[in-house]
C-alpha atoms as a PDB file:
ATOM      1  CA  UNK A   1       0.251  -0.540   0.144  1.00  0.00           C
ATOM      2  CA  UNK A   2       2.801   2.568   0.908  1.00  0.00           C
ATOM      3  CA  UNK A   3       3.969   1.577  -2.720  1.00  0.00           C
ATOM      4  CA  UNK A   4       1.973   2.323  -4.633  1.00  0.00           C
ATOM      5  CA  UNK A   5       0.785   5.594  -2.899  1.00  0.00           C
ATOM      6  CA  UNK A   6       4.799   6.719  -2.590  1.00  0.00           C
ATOM      7  CA  UNK A   7       4.807   5.778  -6.508  1.00  0.00           C
ATOM      8  CA  UNK A   8       1.513   7.947  -7.169  1.00  0.00           C
ATOM      9  CA  UNK A   9       2.608  10.756  -5.725  1.00  0.00           C
ATOM     10  CA  UNK A  10       6.058  10.731  -7.296  1.00  0.00           C
ATOM     11  CA  UNK A  11       3.912  10.099 -10.659  1.00  0.00           C
ATOM     12  CA  UNK A  12       1.943  13.426  -9.755  1.00  0.00           C
ATOM     13  CA  UNK A  13       4.929  15.624  -8.039  1.00  0.00           C
ATOM     14  CA  UNK A  14       6.864  14.894 -10.220  1.00  0.00           C
ATOM     15  CA  UNK A  15       6.001  12.659 -14.214  1.00  0.00           C
ATOM     16  CA  UNK A  16       2.526  14.143 -14.935  1.00  0.00           C
ATOM     17  CA  UNK A  17       4.378  17.810 -14.641  1.00  0.00           C
ATOM     18  CA  UNK A  18       7.151  16.814 -17.389  1.00  0.00           C
ATOM     19  CA  UNK A  19       4.649  15.105 -19.668  1.00  0.00           C
ATOM     20  CA  UNK A  20       2.245  18.500 -19.246  1.00  0.00           C
ATOM     21  CA  UNK A  21       5.050  20.821 -19.861  1.00  0.00           C
ATOM     22  CA  UNK A  22       5.491  18.486 -22.746  1.00  0.00           C
ATOM     23  CA  UNK A  23       2.064  18.166 -24.002  1.00  0.00           C
ATOM     24  CA  UNK A  24       2.234  22.511 -24.150  1.00  0.00           C
ATOM     25  CA  UNK A  25       4.750  22.072 -26.109  1.00  0.00           C
ATOM     26  CA  UNK A  26       2.686  19.530 -28.435  1.00  0.00           C
ATOM     27  CA  UNK A  27      -0.518  21.992 -28.773  1.00  0.00           C
ATOM     28  CA  UNK A  28       1.397  25.406 -28.880  1.00  0.00           C
ATOM     29  CA  UNK A  29       3.247  23.647 -31.946  1.00  0.00           C
ATOM     30  CA  UNK A  30      -0.016  22.476 -33.548  1.00  0.00           C
ATOM     31  CA  UNK A  31      -2.032  25.523 -32.725  1.00  0.00           C
ATOM     32  CA  UNK A  32       0.576  27.846 -33.811  1.00  0.00           C
ATOM     33  CA  UNK A  33       0.211  26.640 -37.261  1.00  0.00           C
ATOM     34  CA  UNK A  34      -2.638  25.708 -37.976  1.00  0.00           C
ATOM     35  CA  UNK A  35      -3.550  29.589 -36.928  1.00  0.00           C
ATOM     36  CA  UNK A  36      -0.322  30.145 -39.149  1.00  0.00           C
ATOM     37  CA  UNK A  37      -2.871  28.284 -41.945  1.00  0.00           C
ATOM     38  CA  UNK A  38      -5.495  30.288 -41.552  1.00  0.00           C
ATOM     39  CA  UNK A  39      -4.490  33.624 -41.066  1.00  0.00           C
ATOM     40  CA  UNK A  40      -2.560  32.956 -44.687  1.00  0.00           C
ATOM     41  CA  UNK A  41       1.047  33.922 -42.932  1.00  0.00           C
ATOM     42  CA  UNK A  42       3.110  30.764 -43.623  1.00  0.00           C
ATOM     43  CA  UNK A  43       5.106  32.304 -45.386  1.00  0.00           C
ATOM     44  CA  UNK A  44       6.330  33.442 -41.379  1.00  0.00           C
ATOM     45  CA  UNK A  45       6.770  30.259 -40.286  1.00  0.00           C
ATOM     46  CA  UNK A  46       9.726  29.975 -43.256  1.00  0.00           C
ATOM     47  CA  UNK A  47      11.894  32.341 -40.655  1.00  0.00           C
ATOM     48  CA  UNK A  48      10.893  30.594 -37.325  1.00  0.00           C
ATOM     49  CA  UNK A  49      13.575  28.648 -37.654  1.00  0.00           C
ATOM     50  CA  UNK A  50      15.893  31.649 -37.571  1.00  0.00           C
ATOM     51  CA  UNK A  51      15.171  33.409 -34.273  1.00  0.00           C
ATOM     52  CA  UNK A  52      14.424  30.106 -33.085  1.00  0.00           C
ATOM     53  CA  UNK A  53      18.186  28.331 -33.601  1.00  0.00           C
ATOM     54  CA  UNK A  54      19.660  31.518 -31.952  1.00  0.00           C
ATOM     55  CA  UNK A  55      17.579  31.207 -29.261  1.00  0.00           C
ATOM     56  CA  UNK A  56      19.186  27.552 -28.827  1.00  0.00           C
ATOM     57  CA  UNK A  57      22.204  28.557 -29.457  1.00  0.00           C
ATOM     58  CA  UNK A  58      22.110  31.690 -26.856  1.00  0.00           C
ATOM     59  CA  UNK A  59      20.841  29.502 -24.263  1.00  0.00           C
ATOM     60  CA  UNK A  60      23.764  27.258 -24.975  1.00  0.00           C
ATOM     61  CA  UNK A  61      25.762  30.368 -23.067  1.00  0.00           C
ATOM     62  CA  UNK A  62      24.590  28.066 -19.766  1.00  0.00           C
ATOM     63  CA  UNK A  63      26.395  25.836 -20.442  1.00  0.00           C
ATOM     64  CA  UNK A  64      29.127  26.582 -20.615  1.00  0.00           C
ATOM     65  CA  UNK A  65      29.087  28.089 -17.298  1.00  0.00           C
ATOM     66  CA  UNK A  66      28.409  25.167 -15.936  1.00  0.00           C
ATOM     67  CA  UNK A  67      31.726  23.633 -17.770  1.00  0.00           C
ATOM     68  CA  UNK A  68      33.658  26.513 -16.192  1.00  0.00           C
ATOM     69  CA  UNK A  69      35.040  27.330 -20.299  1.00  0.00           C
ATOM     70  CA  UNK A  70      33.238  31.247 -18.883  1.00  0.00           C
ATOM     71  CA  UNK A  71      33.194  32.537 -15.433  1.00  0.00           C
ATOM     72  CA  UNK A  72      30.577  35.334 -16.067  1.00  0.00           C
ATOM     73  CA  UNK A  73      26.608  34.965 -15.170  1.00  0.00           C
ATOM     74  CA  UNK A  74      24.908  33.870 -12.438  1.00  0.00           C
ATOM     75  CA  UNK A  75      24.355  29.851 -13.105  1.00  0.00           C
ATOM     76  CA  UNK A  76      20.751  29.283 -11.310  1.00  0.00           C
ATOM     77  CA  UNK A  77      19.904  32.500 -13.438  1.00  0.00           C
ATOM     78  CA  UNK A  78      21.532  30.981 -16.814  1.00  0.00           C
ATOM     79  CA  UNK A  79      19.431  28.054 -16.248  1.00  0.00           C
ATOM     80  CA  UNK A  80      16.666  29.622 -16.088  1.00  0.00           C
ATOM     81  CA  UNK A  81      17.246  31.486 -19.666  1.00  0.00           C
ATOM     82  CA  UNK A  82      18.528  28.105 -20.995  1.00  0.00           C
ATOM     83  CA  UNK A  83      15.328  25.887 -20.291  1.00  0.00           C
ATOM     84  CA  UNK A  84      13.262  28.921 -21.865  1.00  0.00           C
ATOM     85  CA  UNK A  85      15.103  29.548 -24.150  1.00  0.00           C
ATOM     86  CA  UNK A  86      15.394  26.570 -25.417  1.00  0.00           C
ATOM     87  CA  UNK A  87      11.617  25.987 -25.291  1.00  0.00           C
ATOM     88  CA  UNK A  88      10.538  28.838 -26.778  1.00  0.00           C
ATOM     89  CA  UNK A  89      13.463  28.238 -29.311  1.00  0.00           C
ATOM     90  CA  UNK A  90      12.231  24.590 -30.308  1.00  0.00           C
ATOM     91  CA  UNK A  91       8.451  25.886 -30.445  1.00  0.00           C
ATOM     92  CA  UNK A  92       9.914  28.086 -33.233  1.00  0.00           C
ATOM     93  CA  UNK A  93      12.000  25.573 -35.060  1.00  0.00           C
ATOM     94  CA  UNK A  94       9.016  23.513 -34.331  1.00  0.00           C
ATOM     95  CA  UNK A  95       6.410  25.921 -36.406  1.00  0.00           C
ATOM     96  CA  UNK A  96       8.944  26.353 -38.355  1.00  0.00           C
ATOM     97  CA  UNK A  97       9.278  23.124 -40.373  1.00  0.00           C
ATOM     98  CA  UNK A  98       5.446  22.732 -39.502  1.00  0.00           C
ATOM     99  CA  UNK A  99       3.327  19.680 -41.872  1.00  0.00           C
ATOM    100  CA  UNK A 100       5.268  20.912 -45.219  1.00  0.00           C
ATOM    101  CA  UNK A 101       8.207  18.334 -45.278  1.00  0.00           C
ATOM    102  CA  UNK A 102       9.823  17.217 -48.409  1.00  0.00           C
ATOM    103  CA  UNK A 103      12.879  15.991 -48.072  1.00  0.00           C
ATOM    104  CA  UNK A 104      14.747  13.409 -45.190  1.00  0.00           C
ATOM    105  CA  UNK A 105      16.818  16.194 -44.205  1.00  0.00           C
ATOM    106  CA  UNK A 106      13.944  17.923 -42.156  1.00  0.00           C
ATOM    107  CA  UNK A 107      12.581  15.302 -41.490  1.00  0.00           C
ATOM    108  CA  UNK A 108      15.668  13.675 -39.768  1.00  0.00           C
ATOM    109  CA  UNK A 109      16.294  17.856 -38.428  1.00  0.00           C
ATOM    110  CA  UNK A 110      12.543  18.052 -36.382  1.00  0.00           C
ATOM    111  CA  UNK A 111      12.387  14.516 -35.033  1.00  0.00           C
ATOM    112  CA  UNK A 112      16.366  15.507 -33.956  1.00  0.00           C
ATOM    113  CA  UNK A 113      15.329  18.219 -32.112  1.00  0.00           C
ATOM    114  CA  UNK A 114      11.653  16.767 -29.952  1.00  0.00           C
ATOM    115  CA  UNK A 115      14.332  13.845 -28.605  1.00  0.00           C
ATOM    116  CA  UNK A 116      16.584  17.018 -27.351  1.00  0.00           C
ATOM    117  CA  UNK A 117      14.080  18.796 -25.572  1.00  0.00           C
ATOM    118  CA  UNK A 118      12.467  15.740 -24.005  1.00  0.00           C
ATOM    119  CA  UNK A 119      15.650  15.236 -23.247  1.00  0.00           C
ATOM    120  CA  UNK A 120      16.818  17.964 -21.936  1.00  0.00           C
ATOM    121  CA  UNK A 121      12.944  18.549 -20.090  1.00  0.00           C
ATOM    122  CA  UNK A 122      14.279  15.457 -18.446  1.00  0.00           C
ATOM    123  CA  UNK A 123      16.647  16.598 -16.699  1.00  0.00           C
ATOM    124  CA  UNK A 124      15.120  19.305 -15.775  1.00  0.00           C
ATOM    125  CA  UNK A 125      11.694  18.364 -14.498  1.00  0.00           C
ATOM    126  CA  UNK A 126      12.680  14.438 -13.907  1.00  0.00           C
ATOM    127  CA  UNK A 127      15.590  13.775 -12.663  1.00  0.00           C
ATOM    128  CA  UNK A 128      15.892  16.786 -10.021  1.00  0.00           C
ATOM    129  CA  UNK A 129      12.495  16.514  -8.202  1.00  0.00           C
ATOM    130  CA  UNK A 130      12.734  12.444  -8.860  1.00  0.00           C
ATOM    131  CA  UNK A 131      15.976  12.206  -6.388  1.00  0.00           C
ATOM    132  CA  UNK A 132      14.027  15.034  -3.743  1.00  0.00           C
ATOM    133  CA  UNK A 133      12.031  12.569  -3.701  1.00  0.00           C
ATOM    134  CA  UNK A 134      12.639   9.801  -3.570  1.00  0.00           C
ATOM    135  CA  UNK A 135      14.491  10.995  -0.125  1.00  0.00           C
ATOM    136  CA  UNK A 136      12.326  12.417   1.333  1.00  0.00           C
ATOM    137  CA  UNK A 137      10.465   9.811   1.644  1.00  0.00           C
ATOM    138  CA  UNK A 138      12.936   7.640   2.239  1.00  0.00           C
ATOM    139  CA  UNK A 139      13.469  10.226   5.299  1.00  0.00           C
ATOM    140  CA  UNK A 140       9.718   9.980   6.262  1.00  0.00           C
ATOM    141  CA  UNK A 141       9.707   6.225   6.670  1.00  0.00           C
ATOM    142  CA  UNK A 142      12.827   6.557   9.001  1.00  0.00           C
ATOM    143  CA  UNK A 143      10.349   8.183  11.113  1.00  0.00           C
ATOM    144  CA  UNK A 144       8.303   6.500  11.118  1.00  0.00           C
ATOM    145  CA  UNK A 145      10.726   3.946  12.504  1.00  0.00           C
ATOM    146  CA  UNK A 146      10.645   1.341   9.332  1.00  0.00           C
ATOM    147  CA  UNK A 147      13.983  -0.078   9.697  1.00  0.00           C
ATOM    148  CA  UNK A 148      16.472  -0.294   6.892  1.00  0.00           C
ATOM    149  CA  UNK A 149      14.947  -2.781   4.902  1.00  0.00           C
ATOM    150  CA  UNK A 150      11.351  -1.815   4.992  1.00  0.00           C
ATOM    151  CA  UNK A 151      12.173   1.486   4.075  1.00  0.00           C
ATOM    152  CA  UNK A 152      13.759   0.137   0.764  1.00  0.00           C
ATOM    153  CA  UNK A 153      10.708  -1.705  -0.093  1.00  0.00           C
ATOM    154  CA  UNK A 154       8.623   0.331   0.382  1.00  0.00           C
ATOM    155  CA  UNK A 155      10.895   3.684  -2.067  1.00  0.00           C
ATOM    156  CA  UNK A 156      12.248   0.699  -4.976  1.00  0.00           C
ATOM    157  CA  UNK A 157       9.671   1.229  -7.266  1.00  0.00           C
ATOM    158  CA  UNK A 158      10.326   4.896  -6.790  1.00  0.00           C
ATOM    159  CA  UNK A 159      14.799   4.646  -6.918  1.00  0.00           C
ATOM    160  CA  UNK A 160      14.169   2.408  -9.746  1.00  0.00           C
ATOM    161  CA  UNK A 161      12.556   4.691 -12.113  1.00  0.00           C
ATOM    162  CA  UNK A 162      15.422   6.742 -10.704  1.00  0.00           C
ATOM    163  CA  UNK A 163      18.583   5.012 -11.313  1.00  0.00           C
ATOM    164  CA  UNK A 164      16.373   4.604 -15.140  1.00  0.00           C
ATOM    165  CA  UNK A 165      16.284   8.075 -15.675  1.00  0.00           C
ATOM    166  CA  UNK A 166      20.178   8.773 -13.860  1.00  0.00           C
ATOM    167  CA  UNK A 167      20.837   7.722 -17.182  1.00  0.00           C
ATOM    168  CA  UNK A 168      19.105  10.293 -19.164  1.00  0.00           C
ATOM    169  CA  UNK A 169      23.236  12.697 -18.960  1.00  0.00           C
ATOM    170  CA  UNK A 170      24.826   9.618 -20.874  1.00  0.00           C
ATOM    171  CA  UNK A 171      22.907  10.330 -23.524  1.00  0.00           C
ATOM    172  CA  UNK A 172      21.636  14.383 -23.181  1.00  0.00           C
ATOM    173  CA  UNK A 173      24.956  15.459 -25.562  1.00  0.00           C
ATOM    174  CA  UNK A 174      24.649  12.991 -28.496  1.00  0.00           C
ATOM    175  CA  UNK A 175      21.017  13.415 -28.711  1.00  0.00           C
ATOM    176  CA  UNK A 176      22.493  17.880 -28.143  1.00  0.00           C
ATOM    177  CA  UNK A 177      25.406  17.043 -31.603  1.00  0.00           C
ATOM    178  CA  UNK A 178      23.292  14.430 -33.555  1.00  0.00           C
ATOM    179  CA  UNK A 179      20.717  18.432 -33.425  1.00  0.00           C
ATOM    180  CA  UNK A 180      23.549  20.145 -33.877  1.00  0.00           C
ATOM    181  CA  UNK A 181      25.278  17.844 -36.588  1.00  0.00           C
ATOM    182  CA  UNK A 182      21.390  17.788 -38.508  1.00  0.00           C
ATOM    183  CA  UNK A 183      20.404  21.784 -38.726  1.00  0.00           C
ATOM    184  CA  UNK A 184      23.587  22.171 -39.224  1.00  0.00           C
ATOM    185  CA  UNK A 185      23.150  20.625 -42.279  1.00  0.00           C
ATOM    186  CA  UNK A 186      19.388  21.608 -42.685  1.00  0.00           C
ATOM    187  CA  UNK A 187      20.636  25.049 -42.679  1.00  0.00           C
ATOM    188  CA  UNK A 188      23.268  24.397 -45.549  1.00  0.00           C
ATOM    189  CA  UNK A 189      21.105  22.575 -47.969  1.00  0.00           C
ATOM    190  CA  UNK A 190      18.953  25.923 -47.643  1.00  0.00           C
ATOM    191  CA  UNK A 191      22.317  28.190 -48.489  1.00  0.00           C
ATOM    192  CA  UNK A 192      22.807  25.758 -51.122  1.00  0.00           C
ATOM    193  CA  UNK A 193      19.231  25.370 -52.163  1.00  0.00           C
ATOM    194  CA  UNK A 194      18.132  29.132 -51.794  1.00  0.00           C
ATOM    195  CA  UNK A 195      16.646  31.040 -54.791  1.00  0.00           C
ATOM    196  CA  UNK A 196      19.453  33.968 -54.070  1.00  0.00           C
ATOM    197  CA  UNK A 197      18.415  35.444 -57.675  1.00  0.00           C
END
């Protein structure tokens, strides 16, 4: 009974907000694409990729600060700007993509954008909050007088979930590299094949 309650609260407090924020990104993308088509402003979507990409690139200042390549800036502020910038930038890139795919590279870049956003959100919304949740649950059960094996049994599924989520760090950077390579390929192909005359 206790284990299902903690799993339910882990779901409600941590996984549900992640799902809602991801759903909000999908809904905003669909609504934005619908409005662009409805208002006959599809051409605007063509250019949203530029500011979206710039927002994503600008948000990388946080990563530079975190890895001590730069020393200026408040890490907490830069993290917030990173989260907001990548979310808004991804929204713009997804609106740019719309439903008008005529080549494989834009499809791949769009899929890589979505996977990269999900991977980043796992780190932000799920990993840190879930770690705090499991530690809090362990402390709660210890204060109630449960033995160590009983505590471990009570938080088992939450701990298993947390362990699986900690592996995201090993894949987030390679996912970003794939996204960056596909985005760069898309940008280079635009410059090569754009009707410049």
